[in-house]
Amino acid sequence: MVAGDCSEADPEGVLRVMHASPDLLIHECTFCSGKEDLARERGHSTPSMVGEFVASLGPAKVALTHFSRRYDEEAVEEIRTDVVAFVRTTEVIAAKDFMIVNV
């Protein structure tokens, strides 16, 4: 399942019903924690927004994408770790261009 540029990935709960427990969720996480207002304004997500969605959906793996260019690798790892705090049973990956993810 792919969820791109979506501050509100599933406001009606349709995806949760149709695609419960996918093998892989690819989800953008453009902004770091604390930037929820900016993320909503620009149609993007933060770790808490992604984490809540992932917790309700139950995918086996999550590949985070579409990080703001302002973040270096250390900041991207912090974003990934923040998502992990919400979903301890799901593998969370900070995806990179041309990365292959085994499902």
PDB file of N, CA and C in Angstrom:
ATOM      1  N   MET A   1       0.840  -1.153   0.000  1.00  0.00           N
ATOM      2  CA  MET A   1       0.000   0.000   0.000  1.00  0.00           C
ATOM      3  C   MET A   1       0.897   1.232   0.000  1.00  0.00           C
ATOM      4  N   VAL A   2       0.531   2.241  -0.784  1.00  0.00           N
ATOM      5  CA  VAL A   2       1.308   3.470  -0.872  1.00  0.00           C
ATOM      6  C   VAL A   2       0.441   4.637  -0.441  1.00  0.00           C
ATOM      7  N   ALA A   3       0.935   5.421   0.501  1.00  0.00           N
ATOM      8  CA  ALA A   3       0.243   6.624   0.962  1.00  0.00           C
ATOM      9  C   ALA A   3       1.211   7.787   0.792  1.00  0.00           C
ATOM     10  N   GLY A   4       1.003   8.600  -0.225  1.00  0.00           N
ATOM     11  CA  GLY A   4       1.895   9.718  -0.498  1.00  0.00           C
ATOM     12  C   GLY A   4       1.224  11.049  -0.228  1.00  0.00           C
ATOM     13  N   ASP A   5       2.025  12.047   0.108  1.00  0.00           N
ATOM     14  CA  ASP A   5       1.554  13.405   0.380  1.00  0.00           C
ATOM     15  C   ASP A   5       0.168  13.425   1.012  1.00  0.00           C
ATOM     16  N   CYS A   6       0.109  12.980   2.241  1.00  0.00           N
ATOM     17  CA  CYS A   6      -1.212  12.823   2.862  1.00  0.00           C
ATOM     18  C   CYS A   6      -1.170  13.065   4.361  1.00  0.00           C
ATOM     19  N   SER A   7      -1.448  14.284   4.780  1.00  0.00           N
ATOM     20  CA  SER A   7      -1.464  14.554   6.212  1.00  0.00           C
ATOM     21  C   SER A   7      -2.592  13.802   6.895  1.00  0.00           C
ATOM     22  N   GLU A   8      -3.641  13.530   6.171  1.00  0.00           N
ATOM     23  CA  GLU A   8      -4.754  12.732   6.700  1.00  0.00           C
ATOM     24  C   GLU A   8      -4.928  11.537   5.780  1.00  0.00           C
ATOM     25  N   ALA A   9      -4.150  10.483   6.023  1.00  0.00           N
ATOM     26  CA  ALA A   9      -4.102   9.344   5.109  1.00  0.00           C
ATOM     27  C   ALA A   9      -5.431   8.623   4.962  1.00  0.00           C
ATOM     28  N   ASP A  10      -6.211   8.549   6.011  1.00  0.00           N
ATOM     29  CA  ASP A  10      -7.434   7.747   5.958  1.00  0.00           C
ATOM     30  C   ASP A  10      -8.491   8.308   6.908  1.00  0.00           C
ATOM     31  N   PRO A  11      -8.954   9.533   6.663  1.00  0.00           N
ATOM     32  CA  PRO A  11      -9.878  10.165   7.611  1.00  0.00           C
ATOM     33  C   PRO A  11     -11.190   9.405   7.804  1.00  0.00           C
ATOM     34  N   GLU A  12     -11.639   8.672   6.821  1.00  0.00           N
ATOM     35  CA  GLU A  12     -12.904   7.939   6.923  1.00  0.00           C
ATOM     36  C   GLU A  12     -12.716   6.493   7.350  1.00  0.00           C
ATOM     37  N   GLY A  13     -11.474   6.034   7.466  1.00  0.00           N
ATOM     38  CA  GLY A  13     -11.210   4.664   7.887  1.00  0.00           C
ATOM     39  C   GLY A  13     -11.355   3.625   6.791  1.00  0.00           C
ATOM     40  N   VAL A  14     -11.527   4.052   5.540  1.00  0.00           N
ATOM     41  CA  VAL A  14     -11.738   3.122   4.430  1.00  0.00           C
ATOM     42  C   VAL A  14     -10.515   2.243   4.200  1.00  0.00           C
ATOM     43  N   LEU A  15      -9.322   2.834   4.199  1.00  0.00           N
ATOM     44  CA  LEU A  15      -8.109   2.056   3.957  1.00  0.00           C
ATOM     45  C   LEU A  15      -7.895   1.012   5.038  1.00  0.00           C
ATOM     46  N   ARG A  16      -8.237   1.342   6.260  1.00  0.00           N
ATOM     47  CA  ARG A  16      -8.051   0.405   7.371  1.00  0.00           C
ATOM     48  C   ARG A  16      -8.928  -0.830   7.205  1.00  0.00           C
ATOM     49  N   VAL A  17     -10.089  -0.652   6.629  1.00  0.00           N
ATOM     50  CA  VAL A  17     -10.996  -1.777   6.421  1.00  0.00           C
ATOM     51  C   VAL A  17     -10.579  -2.579   5.193  1.00  0.00           C
ATOM     52  N   MET A  18     -10.273  -1.893   4.103  1.00  0.00           N
ATOM     53  CA  MET A  18      -9.940  -2.563   2.843  1.00  0.00           C
ATOM     54  C   MET A  18      -8.562  -3.211   2.846  1.00  0.00           C
ATOM     55  N   HIS A  19      -7.638  -2.633   3.585  1.00  0.00           N
ATOM     56  CA  HIS A  19      -6.248  -3.087   3.510  1.00  0.00           C
ATOM     57  C   HIS A  19      -5.659  -3.355   4.887  1.00  0.00           C
ATOM     58  N   ALA A  20      -6.414  -3.932   5.776  1.00  0.00           N
ATOM     59  CA  ALA A  20      -5.893  -4.209   7.115  1.00  0.00           C
ATOM     60  C   ALA A  20      -4.690  -5.139   7.036  1.00  0.00           C
ATOM     61  N   SER A  21      -3.677  -4.819   7.777  1.00  0.00           N
ATOM     62  CA  SER A  21      -2.452  -5.620   7.891  1.00  0.00           C
ATOM     63  C   SER A  21      -1.745  -5.891   6.565  1.00  0.00           C
ATOM     64  N   PRO A  22      -1.424  -4.851   5.789  1.00  0.00           N
ATOM     65  CA  PRO A  22      -0.670  -5.096   4.553  1.00  0.00           C
ATOM     66  C   PRO A  22       0.756  -5.544   4.874  1.00  0.00           C
ATOM     67  N   ASP A  23       1.382  -6.205   3.906  1.00  0.00           N
ATOM     68  CA  ASP A  23       2.775  -6.626   4.086  1.00  0.00           C
ATOM     69  C   ASP A  23       3.705  -5.420   4.155  1.00  0.00           C
ATOM     70  N   LEU A  24       3.413  -4.395   3.351  1.00  0.00           N
ATOM     71  CA  LEU A  24       4.262  -3.212   3.283  1.00  0.00           C
ATOM     72  C   LEU A  24       3.413  -1.966   3.101  1.00  0.00           C
ATOM     73  N   LEU A  25       3.696  -0.951   3.898  1.00  0.00           N
ATOM     74  CA  LEU A  25       3.094   0.369   3.734  1.00  0.00           C
ATOM     75  C   LEU A  25       4.218   1.334   3.398  1.00  0.00           C
ATOM     76  N   ILE A  26       4.090   2.031   2.282  1.00  0.00           N
ATOM     77  CA  ILE A  26       5.034   3.087   1.914  1.00  0.00           C
ATOM     78  C   ILE A  26       4.330   4.393   2.225  1.00  0.00           C
ATOM     79  N   HIS A  27       4.903   5.181   3.122  1.00  0.00           N
ATOM     80  CA  HIS A  27       4.218   6.392   3.600  1.00  0.00           C
ATOM     81  C   HIS A  27       5.210   7.538   3.684  1.00  0.00           C
ATOM     82  N   GLU A  28       4.808   8.694   3.206  1.00  0.00           N
ATOM     83  CA  GLU A  28       5.665   9.866   3.322  1.00  0.00           C
ATOM     84  C   GLU A  28       5.700  10.340   4.768  1.00  0.00           C
ATOM     85  N   CYS A  29       6.822  10.899   5.157  1.00  0.00           N
ATOM     86  CA  CYS A  29       6.986  11.493   6.485  1.00  0.00           C
ATOM     87  C   CYS A  29       7.897  12.697   6.307  1.00  0.00           C
ATOM     88  N   THR A  30       7.339  13.738   5.740  1.00  0.00           N
ATOM     89  CA  THR A  30       8.111  14.885   5.290  1.00  0.00           C
ATOM     90  C   THR A  30       8.712  15.708   6.422  1.00  0.00           C
ATOM     91  N   PHE A  31       7.969  15.859   7.514  1.00  0.00           N
ATOM     92  CA  PHE A  31       8.418  16.754   8.585  1.00  0.00           C
ATOM     93  C   PHE A  31       8.714  16.010   9.887  1.00  0.00           C
ATOM     94  N   CYS A  32       9.574  16.600  10.713  1.00  0.00           N
ATOM     95  CA  CYS A  32       9.928  16.009  12.003  1.00  0.00           C
ATOM     96  C   CYS A  32       8.823  16.265  13.026  1.00  0.00           C
ATOM     97  N   SER A  33       8.966  15.640  14.171  1.00  0.00           N
ATOM     98  CA  SER A  33       8.000  15.812  15.257  1.00  0.00           C
ATOM     99  C   SER A  33       7.893  17.287  15.640  1.00  0.00           C
ATOM    100  N   GLY A  34       6.694  17.683  16.017  1.00  0.00           N
ATOM    101  CA  GLY A  34       6.456  19.073  16.411  1.00  0.00           C
ATOM    102  C   GLY A  34       6.049  19.978  15.266  1.00  0.00           C
ATOM    103  N   LYS A  35       6.043  19.469  14.056  1.00  0.00           N
ATOM    104  CA  LYS A  35       5.697  20.283  12.878  1.00  0.00           C
ATOM    105  C   LYS A  35       4.317  19.895  12.315  1.00  0.00           C
ATOM    106  N   GLU A  36       3.411  19.414  13.185  1.00  0.00           N
ATOM    107  CA  GLU A  36       2.110  18.920  12.725  1.00  0.00           C
ATOM    108  C   GLU A  36       1.297  19.993  11.995  1.00  0.00           C
ATOM    109  N   ASP A  37       1.286  21.211  12.502  1.00  0.00           N
ATOM    110  CA  ASP A  37       0.512  22.272  11.840  1.00  0.00           C
ATOM    111  C   ASP A  37       1.037  22.543  10.436  1.00  0.00           C
ATOM    112  N   LEU A  38       2.346  22.633  10.300  1.00  0.00           N
ATOM    113  CA  LEU A  38       2.958  22.857   8.990  1.00  0.00           C
ATOM    114  C   LEU A  38       2.668  21.673   8.065  1.00  0.00           C
ATOM    115  N   ALA A  39       2.754  20.469   8.602  1.00  0.00           N
ATOM    116  CA  ALA A  39       2.488  19.270   7.796  1.00  0.00           C
ATOM    117  C   ALA A  39       1.050  19.287   7.267  1.00  0.00           C
ATOM    118  N   ARG A  40       0.093  19.566   8.127  1.00  0.00           N
ATOM    119  CA  ARG A  40      -1.309  19.616   7.681  1.00  0.00           C
ATOM    120  C   ARG A  40      -1.512  20.716   6.636  1.00  0.00           C
ATOM    121  N   GLU A  41      -0.901  21.863   6.882  1.00  0.00           N
ATOM    122  CA  GLU A  41      -1.021  22.994   5.960  1.00  0.00           C
ATOM    123  C   GLU A  41      -0.507  22.638   4.562  1.00  0.00           C
ATOM    124  N   ARG A  42       0.543  21.834   4.519  1.00  0.00           N
ATOM    125  CA  ARG A  42       1.175  21.485   3.237  1.00  0.00           C
ATOM    126  C   ARG A  42       0.801  20.094   2.726  1.00  0.00           C
ATOM    127  N   GLY A  43      -0.097  19.403   3.452  1.00  0.00           N
ATOM    128  CA  GLY A  43      -0.546  18.092   3.002  1.00  0.00           C
ATOM    129  C   GLY A  43       0.473  16.983   3.193  1.00  0.00           C
ATOM    130  N   HIS A  44       1.257  17.089   4.259  1.00  0.00           N
ATOM    131  CA  HIS A  44       2.281  16.099   4.542  1.00  0.00           C
ATOM    132  C   HIS A  44       2.094  15.510   5.936  1.00  0.00           C
ATOM    133  N   SER A  45       3.056  14.705   6.374  1.00  0.00           N
ATOM    134  CA  SER A  45       2.941  14.007   7.652  1.00  0.00           C
ATOM    135  C   SER A  45       4.173  14.193   8.524  1.00  0.00           C
ATOM    136  N   THR A  46       3.990  13.897   9.812  1.00  0.00           N
ATOM    137  CA  THR A  46       5.057  13.871  10.812  1.00  0.00           C
ATOM    138  C   THR A  46       5.097  12.459  11.409  1.00  0.00           C
ATOM    139  N   PRO A  47       6.103  12.142  12.211  1.00  0.00           N
ATOM    140  CA  PRO A  47       6.166  10.804  12.811  1.00  0.00           C
ATOM    141  C   PRO A  47       4.913  10.419  13.610  1.00  0.00           C
ATOM    142  N   SER A  48       4.357  11.337  14.373  1.00  0.00           N
ATOM    143  CA  SER A  48       3.169  10.981  15.156  1.00  0.00           C
ATOM    144  C   SER A  48       1.976  10.697  14.255  1.00  0.00           C
ATOM    145  N   MET A  49       1.837  11.453  13.183  1.00  0.00           N
ATOM    146  CA  MET A  49       0.736  11.238  12.240  1.00  0.00           C
ATOM    147  C   MET A  49       0.882   9.871  11.558  1.00  0.00           C
ATOM    148  N   VAL A  50       2.096   9.568  11.121  1.00  0.00           N
ATOM    149  CA  VAL A  50       2.355   8.269  10.495  1.00  0.00           C
ATOM    150  C   VAL A  50       2.183   7.158  11.520  1.00  0.00           C
ATOM    151  N   GLY A  51       2.735   7.349  12.707  1.00  0.00           N
ATOM    152  CA  GLY A  51       2.668   6.331  13.745  1.00  0.00           C
ATOM    153  C   GLY A  51       1.244   5.954  14.115  1.00  0.00           C
ATOM    154  N   GLU A  52       0.380   6.936  14.247  1.00  0.00           N
ATOM    155  CA  GLU A  52      -1.022   6.659  14.574  1.00  0.00           C
ATOM    156  C   GLU A  52      -1.692   5.867  13.454  1.00  0.00           C
ATOM    157  N   PHE A  53      -1.420   6.236  12.221  1.00  0.00           N
ATOM    158  CA  PHE A  53      -2.004   5.527  11.081  1.00  0.00           C
ATOM    159  C   PHE A  53      -1.484   4.094  11.024  1.00  0.00           C
ATOM    160  N   VAL A  54      -0.178   3.928  11.187  1.00  0.00           N
ATOM    161  CA  VAL A  54       0.431   2.598  11.144  1.00  0.00           C
ATOM    162  C   VAL A  54      -0.115   1.723  12.276  1.00  0.00           C
ATOM    163  N   ALA A  55      -0.243   2.285  13.456  1.00  0.00           N
ATOM    164  CA  ALA A  55      -0.761   1.527  14.597  1.00  0.00           C
ATOM    165  C   ALA A  55      -2.177   1.019  14.324  1.00  0.00           C
ATOM    166  N   SER A  56      -2.976   1.806  13.627  1.00  0.00           N
ATOM    167  CA  SER A  56      -4.355   1.391  13.342  1.00  0.00           C
ATOM    168  C   SER A  56      -4.442   0.417  12.176  1.00  0.00           C
ATOM    169  N   LEU A  57      -3.447   0.443  11.282  1.00  0.00           N
ATOM    170  CA  LEU A  57      -3.479  -0.389  10.075  1.00  0.00           C
ATOM    171  C   LEU A  57      -2.799  -1.743  10.273  1.00  0.00           C
ATOM    172  N   GLY A  58      -1.693  -1.755  11.010  1.00  0.00           N
ATOM    173  CA  GLY A  58      -0.993  -2.999  11.305  1.00  0.00           C
ATOM    174  C   GLY A  58      -0.179  -3.615  10.197  1.00  0.00           C
ATOM    175  N   PRO A  59       0.574  -2.827   9.415  1.00  0.00           N
ATOM    176  CA  PRO A  59       1.413  -3.438   8.382  1.00  0.00           C
ATOM    177  C   PRO A  59       2.604  -4.165   8.998  1.00  0.00           C
ATOM    178  N   ALA A  60       3.148  -5.119   8.252  1.00  0.00           N
ATOM    179  CA  ALA A  60       4.338  -5.839   8.714  1.00  0.00           C
ATOM    180  C   ALA A  60       5.573  -4.947   8.638  1.00  0.00           C
ATOM    181  N   LYS A  61       5.657  -4.129   7.578  1.00  0.00           N
ATOM    182  CA  LYS A  61       6.788  -3.216   7.383  1.00  0.00           C
ATOM    183  C   LYS A  61       6.257  -1.862   6.942  1.00  0.00           C
ATOM    184  N   VAL A  62       7.024  -0.820   7.285  1.00  0.00           N
ATOM    185  CA  VAL A  62       6.731   0.539   6.822  1.00  0.00           C
ATOM    186  C   VAL A  62       8.006   1.107   6.229  1.00  0.00           C
ATOM    187  N   ALA A  63       7.896   1.654   5.025  1.00  0.00           N
ATOM    188  CA  ALA A  63       9.012   2.352   4.396  1.00  0.00           C
ATOM    189  C   ALA A  63       8.642   3.836   4.359  1.00  0.00           C
ATOM    190  N   LEU A  64       9.374   4.638   5.101  1.00  0.00           N
ATOM    191  CA  LEU A  64       9.129   6.075   5.139  1.00  0.00           C
ATOM    192  C   LEU A  64       9.840   6.738   3.967  1.00  0.00           C
ATOM    193  N   THR A  65       9.171   7.691   3.341  1.00  0.00           N
ATOM    194  CA  THR A  65       9.724   8.367   2.166  1.00  0.00           C
ATOM    195  C   THR A  65       9.478   9.869   2.248  1.00  0.00           C
ATOM    196  N   HIS A  66       9.979  10.586   1.250  1.00  0.00           N
ATOM    197  CA  HIS A  66       9.664  11.995   0.999  1.00  0.00           C
ATOM    198  C   HIS A  66      10.053  12.908   2.159  1.00  0.00           C
ATOM    199  N   PHE A  67      11.274  12.716   2.671  1.00  0.00           N
ATOM    200  CA  PHE A  67      11.761  13.549   3.760  1.00  0.00           C
ATOM    201  C   PHE A  67      12.119  14.930   3.226  1.00  0.00           C
ATOM    202  N   SER A  68      11.871  15.950   4.017  1.00  0.00           N
ATOM    203  CA  SER A  68      12.250  17.301   3.623  1.00  0.00           C
ATOM    204  C   SER A  68      13.760  17.360   3.394  1.00  0.00           C
ATOM    205  N   ARG A  69      14.181  18.124   2.406  1.00  0.00           N
ATOM    206  CA  ARG A  69      15.613  18.263   2.099  1.00  0.00           C
ATOM    207  C   ARG A  69      16.388  18.905   3.240  1.00  0.00           C
ATOM    208  N   ARG A  70      15.690  19.565   4.127  1.00  0.00           N
ATOM    209  CA  ARG A  70      16.377  20.229   5.240  1.00  0.00           C
ATOM    210  C   ARG A  70      16.969  19.238   6.240  1.00  0.00           C
ATOM    211  N   TYR A  71      16.553  17.955   6.153  1.00  0.00           N
ATOM    212  CA  TYR A  71      16.999  16.963   7.116  1.00  0.00           C
ATOM    213  C   TYR A  71      18.159  16.129   6.579  1.00  0.00           C
ATOM    214  N   ASP A  72      19.217  16.033   7.400  1.00  0.00           N
ATOM    215  CA  ASP A  72      20.343  15.170   7.033  1.00  0.00           C
ATOM    216  C   ASP A  72      20.033  13.736   7.495  1.00  0.00           C
ATOM    217  N   GLU A  73      20.972  12.820   7.273  1.00  0.00           N
ATOM    218  CA  GLU A  73      20.740  11.410   7.608  1.00  0.00           C
ATOM    219  C   GLU A  73      20.452  11.201   9.091  1.00  0.00           C
ATOM    220  N   GLU A  74      21.101  11.960   9.938  1.00  0.00           N
ATOM    221  CA  GLU A  74      20.871  11.843  11.383  1.00  0.00           C
ATOM    222  C   GLU A  74      19.433  12.255  11.734  1.00  0.00           C
ATOM    223  N   ALA A  75      18.945  13.330  11.142  1.00  0.00           N
ATOM    224  CA  ALA A  75      17.580  13.783  11.397  1.00  0.00           C
ATOM    225  C   ALA A  75      16.560  12.786  10.847  1.00  0.00           C
ATOM    226  N   VAL A  76      16.847  12.196   9.691  1.00  0.00           N
ATOM    227  CA  VAL A  76      15.956  11.178   9.116  1.00  0.00           C
ATOM    228  C   VAL A  76      15.890   9.970  10.039  1.00  0.00           C
ATOM    229  N   GLU A  77      17.014   9.589  10.618  1.00  0.00           N
ATOM    230  CA  GLU A  77      17.016   8.469  11.572  1.00  0.00           C
ATOM    231  C   GLU A  77      16.191   8.820  12.808  1.00  0.00           C
ATOM    232  N   GLU A  78      16.238  10.057  13.242  1.00  0.00           N
ATOM    233  CA  GLU A  78      15.418  10.480  14.386  1.00  0.00           C
ATOM    234  C   GLU A  78      13.928  10.399  14.027  1.00  0.00           C
ATOM    235  N   ILE A  79      13.567  10.785  12.815  1.00  0.00           N
ATOM    236  CA  ILE A  79      12.187  10.666  12.351  1.00  0.00           C
ATOM    237  C   ILE A  79      11.765   9.193  12.372  1.00  0.00           C
ATOM    238  N   ARG A  80      12.614   8.315  11.856  1.00  0.00           N
ATOM    239  CA  ARG A  80      12.306   6.884  11.840  1.00  0.00           C
ATOM    240  C   ARG A  80      12.111   6.361  13.267  1.00  0.00           C
ATOM    241  N   THR A  81      13.001   6.747  14.160  1.00  0.00           N
ATOM    242  CA  THR A  81      12.910   6.322  15.558  1.00  0.00           C
ATOM    243  C   THR A  81      11.627   6.825  16.207  1.00  0.00           C
ATOM    244  N   ASP A  82      11.219   8.043  15.880  1.00  0.00           N
ATOM    245  CA  ASP A  82       9.967   8.589  16.422  1.00  0.00           C
ATOM    246  C   ASP A  82       8.763   7.770  15.959  1.00  0.00           C
ATOM    247  N   VAL A  83       8.775   7.306  14.720  1.00  0.00           N
ATOM    248  CA  VAL A  83       7.685   6.455  14.227  1.00  0.00           C
ATOM    249  C   VAL A  83       7.704   5.113  14.957  1.00  0.00           C
ATOM    250  N   VAL A  84       8.889   4.550  15.150  1.00  0.00           N
ATOM    251  CA  VAL A  84       9.032   3.270  15.841  1.00  0.00           C
ATOM    252  C   VAL A  84       8.399   3.324  17.234  1.00  0.00           C
ATOM    253  N   ALA A  85       8.484   4.458  17.895  1.00  0.00           N
ATOM    254  CA  ALA A  85       7.908   4.597  19.235  1.00  0.00           C
ATOM    255  C   ALA A  85       6.403   4.315  19.246  1.00  0.00           C
ATOM    256  N   PHE A  86       5.730   4.536  18.120  1.00  0.00           N
ATOM    257  CA  PHE A  86       4.294   4.283  18.022  1.00  0.00           C
ATOM    258  C   PHE A  86       3.986   2.838  17.654  1.00  0.00           C
ATOM    259  N   VAL A  87       4.893   2.183  16.972  1.00  0.00           N
ATOM    260  CA  VAL A  87       4.601   0.871  16.384  1.00  0.00           C
ATOM    261  C   VAL A  87       5.736  -0.110  16.630  1.00  0.00           C
ATOM    262  N   ARG A  88       5.936  -0.493  17.815  1.00  0.00           N
ATOM    263  CA  ARG A  88       7.064  -1.338  18.203  1.00  0.00           C
ATOM    264  C   ARG A  88       7.068  -2.705  17.513  1.00  0.00           C
ATOM    265  N   THR A  89       5.934  -3.190  17.050  1.00  0.00           N
ATOM    266  CA  THR A  89       5.877  -4.512  16.420  1.00  0.00           C
ATOM    267  C   THR A  89       6.018  -4.474  14.908  1.00  0.00           C
ATOM    268  N   THR A  90       6.176  -3.299  14.346  1.00  0.00           N
ATOM    269  CA  THR A  90       6.301  -3.139  12.901  1.00  0.00           C
ATOM    270  C   THR A  90       7.717  -2.693  12.565  1.00  0.00           C
ATOM    271  N   GLU A  91       8.305  -3.289  11.540  1.00  0.00           N
ATOM    272  CA  GLU A  91       9.632  -2.863  11.074  1.00  0.00           C
ATOM    273  C   GLU A  91       9.477  -1.546  10.326  1.00  0.00           C
ATOM    274  N   VAL A  92      10.259  -0.541  10.705  1.00  0.00           N
ATOM    275  CA  VAL A  92      10.180   0.781  10.079  1.00  0.00           C
ATOM    276  C   VAL A  92      11.518   1.087   9.421  1.00  0.00           C
ATOM    277  N   ILE A  93      11.459   1.406   8.140  1.00  0.00           N
ATOM    278  CA  ILE A  93      12.643   1.661   7.321  1.00  0.00           C
ATOM    279  C   ILE A  93      12.601   3.100   6.814  1.00  0.00           C
ATOM    280  N   ALA A  94      13.725   3.792   6.857  1.00  0.00           N
ATOM    281  CA  ALA A  94      13.848   5.091   6.202  1.00  0.00           C
ATOM    282  C   ALA A  94      14.327   4.804   4.782  1.00  0.00           C
ATOM    283  N   ALA A  95      13.412   4.872   3.830  1.00  0.00           N
ATOM    284  CA  ALA A  95      13.728   4.497   2.449  1.00  0.00           C
ATOM    285  C   ALA A  95      14.629   5.531   1.780  1.00  0.00           C
ATOM    286  N   LYS A  96      15.379   5.051   0.809  1.00  0.00           N
ATOM    287  CA  LYS A  96      16.255   5.908  -0.005  1.00  0.00           C
ATOM    288  C   LYS A  96      15.946   5.629  -1.476  1.00  0.00           C
ATOM    289  N   ASP A  97      16.327   6.541  -2.333  1.00  0.00           N
ATOM    290  CA  ASP A  97      16.124   6.350  -3.770  1.00  0.00           C
ATOM    291  C   ASP A  97      16.737   5.025  -4.217  1.00  0.00           C
ATOM    292  N   PHE A  98      16.003   4.305  -5.031  1.00  0.00           N
ATOM    293  CA  PHE A  98      16.428   3.043  -5.646  1.00  0.00           C
ATOM    294  C   PHE A  98      16.592   1.894  -4.630  1.00  0.00           C
ATOM    295  N   MET A  99      16.099   2.084  -3.426  1.00  0.00           N
ATOM    296  CA  MET A  99      16.188   1.041  -2.405  1.00  0.00           C
ATOM    297  C   MET A  99      15.259  -0.112  -2.761  1.00  0.00           C
ATOM    298  N   ILE A 100      15.692  -1.317  -2.503  1.00  0.00           N
ATOM    299  CA  ILE A 100      14.853  -2.506  -2.681  1.00  0.00           C
ATOM    300  C   ILE A 100      14.453  -2.990  -1.297  1.00  0.00           C
ATOM    301  N   VAL A 101      13.149  -3.180  -1.101  1.00  0.00           N
ATOM    302  CA  VAL A 101      12.635  -3.649   0.181  1.00  0.00           C
ATOM    303  C   VAL A 101      12.025  -5.032  -0.031  1.00  0.00           C
ATOM    304  N   ASN A 102      12.558  -6.005   0.656  1.00  0.00           N
ATOM    305  CA  ASN A 102      12.011  -7.361   0.565  1.00  0.00           C
ATOM    306  C   ASN A 102      10.764  -7.473   1.423  1.00  0.00           C
ATOM    307  N   VAL A 103       9.754  -8.112   0.859  1.00  0.00           N
ATOM    308  CA  VAL A 103       8.487  -8.272   1.568  1.00  0.00           C
ATOM    309  C   VAL A 103       8.315  -9.715   1.949  1.00  0.00           C
TER     310      VAL A 103
END
